[in-house]
């Protein structure tokens, strides 16, 4: 019995740590129990490690009231204080 195979076979989608790993994980391979688990699900997606800084840039993010960068963190401090006030 291979519980991992069962999870993959019945999953709606599978995510991996990167697009490259998503491709590699779809290759057929044998595991100890003898089942092929690589192509069990067609809906495999790679989620890139890290952050897309073009989208999540604290210098330009329109969702932030106060902007900041590595040289001037005062905007980060102001954002934090506003958040703490809202959570209080």
C-alpha atoms as a PDB file:
ATOM      1  CA  UNK A   1       0.000   0.000   0.000  1.00  0.00           C
ATOM      2  CA  UNK A   2       1.345   3.435  -0.935  1.00  0.00           C
ATOM      3  CA  UNK A   3      -0.523   6.311   0.743  1.00  0.00           C
ATOM      4  CA  UNK A   4       1.489   8.927  -1.163  1.00  0.00           C
ATOM      5  CA  UNK A   5       0.392   7.423  -4.481  1.00  0.00           C
ATOM      6  CA  UNK A   6      -3.223   7.445  -3.314  1.00  0.00           C
ATOM      7  CA  UNK A   7      -2.956  11.115  -2.390  1.00  0.00           C
ATOM      8  CA  UNK A   8      -1.451  12.008  -5.768  1.00  0.00           C
ATOM      9  CA  UNK A   9      -3.926   9.927  -7.779  1.00  0.00           C
ATOM     10  CA  UNK A  10      -6.967  11.498  -6.117  1.00  0.00           C
ATOM     11  CA  UNK A  11      -5.629  15.071  -5.842  1.00  0.00           C
ATOM     12  CA  UNK A  12      -7.251  17.852  -7.849  1.00  0.00           C
ATOM     13  CA  UNK A  13      -3.875  19.562  -8.241  1.00  0.00           C
ATOM     14  CA  UNK A  14      -0.306  19.146  -7.037  1.00  0.00           C
ATOM     15  CA  UNK A  15       2.120  21.952  -6.227  1.00  0.00           C
ATOM     16  CA  UNK A  16       5.885  21.704  -6.063  1.00  0.00           C
ATOM     17  CA  UNK A  17       8.658  24.061  -4.968  1.00  0.00           C
ATOM     18  CA  UNK A  18       9.568  25.150  -8.510  1.00  0.00           C
ATOM     19  CA  UNK A  19       8.600  24.803 -12.164  1.00  0.00           C
ATOM     20  CA  UNK A  20      11.677  22.638 -12.791  1.00  0.00           C
ATOM     21  CA  UNK A  21      10.759  20.255  -9.981  1.00  0.00           C
ATOM     22  CA  UNK A  22       7.197  20.075 -11.328  1.00  0.00           C
ATOM     23  CA  UNK A  23       8.574  18.839 -14.659  1.00  0.00           C
ATOM     24  CA  UNK A  24      10.951  16.378 -13.001  1.00  0.00           C
ATOM     25  CA  UNK A  25       8.288  14.984 -10.682  1.00  0.00           C
ATOM     26  CA  UNK A  26       6.108  14.019 -13.654  1.00  0.00           C
ATOM     27  CA  UNK A  27       8.727  11.610 -14.981  1.00  0.00           C
ATOM     28  CA  UNK A  28       7.783   7.981 -14.341  1.00  0.00           C
ATOM     29  CA  UNK A  29       9.885   6.457 -11.606  1.00  0.00           C
ATOM     30  CA  UNK A  30       9.726   3.406  -9.444  1.00  0.00           C
ATOM     31  CA  UNK A  31       9.407   3.732  -5.720  1.00  0.00           C
ATOM     32  CA  UNK A  32      10.216   1.012  -3.230  1.00  0.00           C
ATOM     33  CA  UNK A  33       6.757  -0.522  -3.403  1.00  0.00           C
ATOM     34  CA  UNK A  34       6.995  -0.791  -7.200  1.00  0.00           C
ATOM     35  CA  UNK A  35       4.251   1.703  -8.087  1.00  0.00           C
ATOM     36  CA  UNK A  36       4.793   4.456 -10.630  1.00  0.00           C
ATOM     37  CA  UNK A  37       3.807   7.759  -9.044  1.00  0.00           C
ATOM     38  CA  UNK A  38       5.386  10.285 -11.431  1.00  0.00           C
ATOM     39  CA  UNK A  39       2.550  10.661 -13.965  1.00  0.00           C
ATOM     40  CA  UNK A  40      -0.323   9.869 -11.624  1.00  0.00           C
ATOM     41  CA  UNK A  41      -1.725  13.413 -11.839  1.00  0.00           C
ATOM     42  CA  UNK A  42      -1.717  15.659 -14.898  1.00  0.00           C
ATOM     43  CA  UNK A  43      -2.366  18.882 -13.007  1.00  0.00           C
ATOM     44  CA  UNK A  44       1.107  19.598 -11.555  1.00  0.00           C
ATOM     45  CA  UNK A  45       2.110  23.214 -10.929  1.00  0.00           C
ATOM     46  CA  UNK A  46       5.435  24.659  -9.849  1.00  0.00           C
ATOM     47  CA  UNK A  47       5.398  27.576  -7.443  1.00  0.00           C
ATOM     48  CA  UNK A  48       8.590  29.566  -7.707  1.00  0.00           C
ATOM     49  CA  UNK A  49      10.589  29.825  -4.490  1.00  0.00           C
ATOM     50  CA  UNK A  50      10.861  33.333  -3.145  1.00  0.00           C
ATOM     51  CA  UNK A  51       9.014  36.538  -3.894  1.00  0.00           C
ATOM     52  CA  UNK A  52       8.272  38.344  -7.164  1.00  0.00           C
ATOM     53  CA  UNK A  53       9.824  41.711  -6.282  1.00  0.00           C
ATOM     54  CA  UNK A  54       8.364  43.374  -9.366  1.00  0.00           C
ATOM     55  CA  UNK A  55       4.936  42.767  -7.836  1.00  0.00           C
ATOM     56  CA  UNK A  56       5.744  42.954  -4.100  1.00  0.00           C
ATOM     57  CA  UNK A  57       8.058  45.951  -3.952  1.00  0.00           C
ATOM     58  CA  UNK A  58       7.732  48.092  -0.792  1.00  0.00           C
ATOM     59  CA  UNK A  59       9.049  51.127  -2.685  1.00  0.00           C
ATOM     60  CA  UNK A  60       6.157  51.082  -5.192  1.00  0.00           C
ATOM     61  CA  UNK A  61       3.408  48.874  -3.704  1.00  0.00           C
ATOM     62  CA  UNK A  62       0.104  50.733  -4.040  1.00  0.00           C
ATOM     63  CA  UNK A  63      -1.341  48.771  -1.092  1.00  0.00           C
ATOM     64  CA  UNK A  64       1.101  50.374   1.346  1.00  0.00           C
ATOM     65  CA  UNK A  65       0.449  53.811   2.831  1.00  0.00           C
ATOM     66  CA  UNK A  66       4.122  54.355   3.562  1.00  0.00           C
ATOM     67  CA  UNK A  67       6.872  53.216   1.220  1.00  0.00           C
ATOM     68  CA  UNK A  68      10.356  52.151   2.226  1.00  0.00           C
ATOM     69  CA  UNK A  69      13.614  50.683   0.953  1.00  0.00           C
ATOM     70  CA  UNK A  70      16.876  49.298   2.328  1.00  0.00           C
ATOM     71  CA  UNK A  71      18.289  52.797   2.891  1.00  0.00           C
ATOM     72  CA  UNK A  72      15.226  54.237   4.628  1.00  0.00           C
ATOM     73  CA  UNK A  73      13.097  51.882   6.746  1.00  0.00           C
ATOM     74  CA  UNK A  74      10.999  54.614   8.349  1.00  0.00           C
ATOM     75  CA  UNK A  75       8.039  53.737   6.095  1.00  0.00           C
ATOM     76  CA  UNK A  76       8.191  50.137   7.290  1.00  0.00           C
ATOM     77  CA  UNK A  77       8.084  51.307  10.886  1.00  0.00           C
ATOM     78  CA  UNK A  78       5.064  53.522  10.109  1.00  0.00           C
ATOM     79  CA  UNK A  79       3.247  50.625   8.390  1.00  0.00           C
ATOM     80  CA  UNK A  80       3.941  48.386  11.387  1.00  0.00           C
ATOM     81  CA  UNK A  81       2.635  50.951  13.859  1.00  0.00           C
ATOM     82  CA  UNK A  82      -0.566  51.429  11.836  1.00  0.00           C
ATOM     83  CA  UNK A  83      -1.093  47.684  11.709  1.00  0.00           C
ATOM     84  CA  UNK A  84      -0.581  47.327  15.449  1.00  0.00           C
ATOM     85  CA  UNK A  85      -3.117  50.104  16.064  1.00  0.00           C
ATOM     86  CA  UNK A  86      -5.681  48.303  13.899  1.00  0.00           C
ATOM     87  CA  UNK A  87      -5.089  45.024  15.739  1.00  0.00           C
ATOM     88  CA  UNK A  88      -5.301  46.570  19.187  1.00  0.00           C
END
